[in-house]
Amino acid sequence: MTPPLIQLAEAQRSAPVTDWAARLGWVAGLLVLVAFVYWLMRQGWKWRGTLQGDLPELPATPEDPGEPRLTLSGRYHGSTTAGQWLDRIVAHGLGTRSRVELTLTEAGLDVVRPGATDFFVPAAALRGARLDKGIAGKVLTEGGLLVVTWQHGDQELDSGFRSDRAEEHPAWVEALTALSTTPTSTTRNTTEQSETEGVR
């Protein structure tokens, strides 16, 4: 006769799985659902890129950008329409996250991205910089993101960067703001001409 304890253990043992077809069907259905969601996201990305087709090609680095003021190694987290941190820009590779090497010179901001499209922001196109905590698809701690605002074509963009050493961010904000508010020679000439005409 089987002891009561052994009978109890056998009673509590899980029943063997026999309906493998149903389980495999659930797994297959889940995989199809994941693939469909991924496809929808990819199509949405392409559609957004098509809508942003009027955005000009990204400027290339000039042959002689000048002596570096600041350099930074870190990550590029994306670009959005200025002031709208969820309106992601994907045209011309601006939506691709990547490693980044930033160099600031008198001529502007050189953005080198291994594995993605490099671009250059001329000093005349800089509109300012600030510390923030998020940009489309990425949220960090307060002040953990360096956001550079710049003019590209008829649109102002916000581009988000994070240095490998976050303590560098304030110096970059200061330098970018100073460079973006420095009037170019064209601006000075226009201002002087307007003042002269006003005197006349």
Protein backbone atom coordinates (compact mmCIF):
# COMPACT_ATOMS: atom_id res chain seq x y z
CA MET A 1 0.00 0.00 0.00
CA THR A 2 1.31 3.45 -0.98
CA PRO A 3 2.01 5.70 2.03
CA PRO A 4 -0.37 8.71 2.40
CA LEU A 5 2.46 11.24 2.02
CA ILE A 6 3.50 9.81 -1.36
CA GLN A 7 -0.13 9.80 -2.51
CA LEU A 8 -0.46 13.50 -1.52
CA ALA A 9 2.74 14.44 -3.39
CA GLU A 10 1.56 12.64 -6.51
CA ALA A 11 -1.81 14.40 -6.30
CA GLN A 12 -0.15 17.82 -6.08
CA ARG A 13 2.17 17.14 -9.04
CA SER A 14 1.28 19.20 -12.15
CA ALA A 15 -0.62 17.41 -14.84
CA PRO A 16 1.44 16.71 -17.97
CA VAL A 17 1.03 19.16 -20.84
CA THR A 18 -0.80 17.43 -23.63
CA ASP A 19 -2.31 20.30 -25.72
CA TRP A 20 0.92 21.38 -27.45
CA ALA A 21 -0.93 22.52 -30.58
CA ALA A 22 -2.88 25.16 -28.64
CA ARG A 23 0.24 26.44 -26.90
CA LEU A 24 2.19 26.66 -30.14
CA GLY A 25 -0.75 28.48 -31.69
CA TRP A 26 -0.65 31.11 -28.92
CA VAL A 27 3.10 31.58 -29.34
CA ALA A 28 2.78 31.91 -33.12
CA GLY A 29 -0.07 34.41 -32.70
CA LEU A 30 2.01 36.49 -30.29
CA LEU A 31 4.97 36.54 -32.69
CA VAL A 32 2.72 37.64 -35.55
CA LEU A 33 1.31 40.43 -33.38
CA VAL A 34 4.80 41.67 -32.44
CA ALA A 35 5.87 41.58 -36.10
CA PHE A 36 2.75 43.52 -37.11
CA VAL A 37 3.33 46.21 -34.48
CA TYR A 38 6.96 46.53 -35.62
CA TRP A 39 5.81 46.86 -39.24
CA LEU A 40 3.33 49.59 -38.28
CA MET A 41 6.07 51.49 -36.45
CA ARG A 42 8.38 51.20 -39.46
CA GLN A 43 5.65 52.42 -41.82
CA GLY A 44 4.94 55.35 -39.50
CA TRP A 45 8.63 56.23 -39.51
CA LYS A 46 8.71 56.20 -43.35
CA TRP A 47 5.50 58.24 -43.54
CA ARG A 48 6.94 60.86 -41.19
CA GLY A 49 10.08 61.02 -43.30
CA THR A 50 7.95 61.59 -46.42
CA LEU A 51 6.07 64.44 -44.72
CA GLN A 52 9.41 66.05 -43.85
CA GLY A 53 10.71 65.74 -47.41
CA ASP A 54 10.85 69.53 -47.83
CA LEU A 55 13.60 69.75 -45.20
CA PRO A 56 16.87 70.70 -46.98
CA GLU A 57 19.93 68.47 -47.06
CA LEU A 58 22.11 68.76 -43.97
CA PRO A 59 25.05 71.19 -44.24
CA ALA A 60 28.51 69.64 -44.57
CA THR A 61 31.53 70.67 -42.52
CA PRO A 62 33.53 73.45 -44.21
CA GLU A 63 37.12 72.75 -45.24
CA ASP A 64 38.46 75.14 -42.61
CA PRO A 65 36.07 75.31 -39.64
CA GLY A 66 38.65 77.01 -37.41
CA GLU A 67 40.21 76.19 -34.08
CA PRO A 68 38.08 74.11 -31.66
CA ARG A 69 36.57 76.00 -28.72
CA LEU A 70 35.03 72.92 -27.11
CA THR A 71 34.88 69.20 -27.87
CA LEU A 72 32.51 66.58 -26.52
CA SER A 73 32.05 62.81 -26.77
CA GLY A 74 28.67 61.31 -26.02
CA ARG A 75 25.40 60.35 -27.61
CA TYR A 76 23.01 61.97 -30.07
CA HIS A 77 19.40 61.34 -29.00
CA GLY A 78 17.48 62.90 -31.89
CA SER A 79 15.96 66.11 -33.19
CA THR A 80 12.49 67.61 -32.98
CA THR A 81 10.67 70.72 -34.09
CA ALA A 82 11.88 73.50 -31.77
CA GLY A 83 9.73 73.77 -28.66
CA GLN A 84 7.84 70.53 -29.45
CA TRP A 85 9.81 67.77 -27.79
CA LEU A 86 7.58 64.97 -29.13
CA ASP A 87 7.55 66.07 -32.78
CA ARG A 88 10.47 63.93 -33.94
CA ILE A 89 12.40 64.83 -37.09
CA VAL A 90 13.50 61.73 -39.05
CA ALA A 91 14.41 63.18 -42.47
CA HIS A 92 18.05 62.95 -43.59
CA GLY A 93 18.91 60.58 -40.75
CA LEU A 94 18.16 63.07 -37.97
CA GLY A 95 15.98 60.48 -36.25
CA THR A 96 18.81 57.95 -35.89
CA ARG A 97 20.35 57.74 -32.43
CA SER A 98 24.09 57.26 -32.36
CA ARG A 99 27.39 57.99 -30.73
CA VAL A 100 28.53 61.55 -31.39
CA GLU A 101 31.64 63.72 -31.41
CA LEU A 102 30.86 67.45 -31.13
CA THR A 103 33.31 70.21 -31.97
CA LEU A 104 32.44 73.88 -31.50
CA THR A 105 34.42 76.47 -33.49
CA GLU A 106 33.92 80.08 -34.61
CA ALA A 107 32.32 78.70 -37.77
CA GLY A 108 29.72 76.62 -35.96
CA LEU A 109 28.95 73.19 -34.51
CA ASP A 110 30.39 70.09 -36.17
CA VAL A 111 28.37 66.94 -35.45
CA VAL A 112 30.21 63.70 -36.30
CA ARG A 113 28.15 60.52 -35.88
CA PRO A 114 29.81 57.12 -36.43
CA GLY A 115 27.38 54.91 -38.34
CA ALA A 116 24.98 57.79 -39.07
CA THR A 117 24.86 61.01 -41.10
CA ASP A 118 27.25 63.76 -40.02
CA PHE A 119 26.13 67.37 -40.22
CA PHE A 120 27.30 70.90 -39.48
CA VAL A 121 25.38 73.77 -37.88
CA PRO A 122 26.79 77.12 -39.07
CA ALA A 123 27.21 79.76 -36.37
CA ALA A 124 24.67 81.96 -38.16
CA ALA A 125 22.10 79.15 -37.81
CA LEU A 126 22.55 78.68 -34.05
CA ARG A 127 19.60 79.97 -32.02
CA GLY A 128 20.67 78.98 -28.51
CA ALA A 129 21.14 76.06 -26.14
CA ARG A 130 19.69 74.86 -22.84
CA LEU A 131 19.70 71.99 -20.39
CA ASP A 132 16.63 69.79 -20.47
CA LYS A 133 15.51 66.35 -19.39
CA GLY A 134 13.89 64.88 -22.47
CA ILE A 135 13.43 64.73 -26.21
CA ALA A 136 11.24 62.44 -28.33
CA GLY A 137 11.65 58.89 -27.08
CA LYS A 138 14.26 59.70 -24.44
CA VAL A 139 13.79 61.00 -20.90
CA LEU A 140 16.74 61.62 -18.58
CA THR A 141 17.26 63.28 -15.22
CA GLU A 142 16.74 67.04 -14.98
CA GLY A 143 19.53 68.80 -16.86
CA GLY A 144 20.84 65.54 -18.28
CA LEU A 145 20.34 66.59 -21.90
CA LEU A 146 22.08 69.33 -23.87
CA VAL A 147 19.54 70.73 -26.35
CA VAL A 148 20.82 72.88 -29.21
CA THR A 149 18.31 75.01 -31.12
CA TRP A 150 19.23 75.80 -34.71
CA GLN A 151 17.71 77.02 -37.95
CA HIS A 152 17.55 74.62 -40.87
CA GLY A 153 15.82 75.95 -43.94
CA ASP A 154 12.55 77.52 -42.86
CA GLN A 155 12.33 75.46 -39.67
CA GLU A 156 13.87 75.71 -36.22
CA LEU A 157 15.02 72.41 -34.74
CA ASP A 158 16.01 71.17 -31.29
CA SER A 159 18.78 68.53 -31.27
CA GLY A 160 19.49 66.58 -28.09
CA PHE A 161 22.95 65.46 -26.99
CA ARG A 162 24.31 63.88 -23.84
CA SER A 163 27.99 64.04 -22.97
CA ASP A 164 29.79 61.09 -21.44
CA ARG A 165 30.62 63.65 -18.72
CA ALA A 166 27.41 65.51 -17.92
CA GLU A 167 29.31 68.15 -15.94
CA GLU A 168 30.45 69.54 -19.33
CA HIS A 169 26.92 70.58 -20.30
CA PRO A 170 26.81 74.04 -18.62
CA ALA A 171 30.00 75.16 -20.40
CA TRP A 172 28.48 74.10 -23.71
CA VAL A 173 25.26 76.00 -23.02
CA GLU A 174 27.26 79.12 -22.25
CA ALA A 175 29.50 78.84 -25.33
CA LEU A 176 26.67 77.99 -27.73
CA THR A 177 24.50 80.81 -26.41
CA ALA A 178 27.35 83.29 -26.75
CA LEU A 179 28.08 82.18 -30.32
CA SER A 180 24.43 82.22 -31.34
CA THR A 181 23.93 85.79 -30.07
CA THR A 182 27.10 87.15 -31.68
CA PRO A 183 25.96 89.16 -34.72
CA THR A 184 27.56 88.21 -38.02
CA SER A 185 29.22 90.80 -40.23
CA THR A 186 26.16 90.77 -42.49
CA THR A 187 23.90 91.49 -39.53
CA ARG A 188 26.16 94.29 -38.31
CA ASN A 189 26.29 95.86 -41.77
CA THR A 190 22.51 95.69 -42.10
CA THR A 191 22.04 97.23 -38.64
CA GLU A 192 24.52 100.01 -39.36
CA GLN A 193 22.86 100.73 -42.69
CA SER A 194 19.43 100.94 -41.05
CA GLU A 195 20.74 103.30 -38.36
CA THR A 196 22.35 105.52 -41.01
CA GLU A 197 19.15 105.67 -43.02
CA GLY A 198 17.25 106.46 -39.83
CA VAL A 199 19.53 109.41 -39.15
CA ARG A 200 19.04 110.69 -42.67
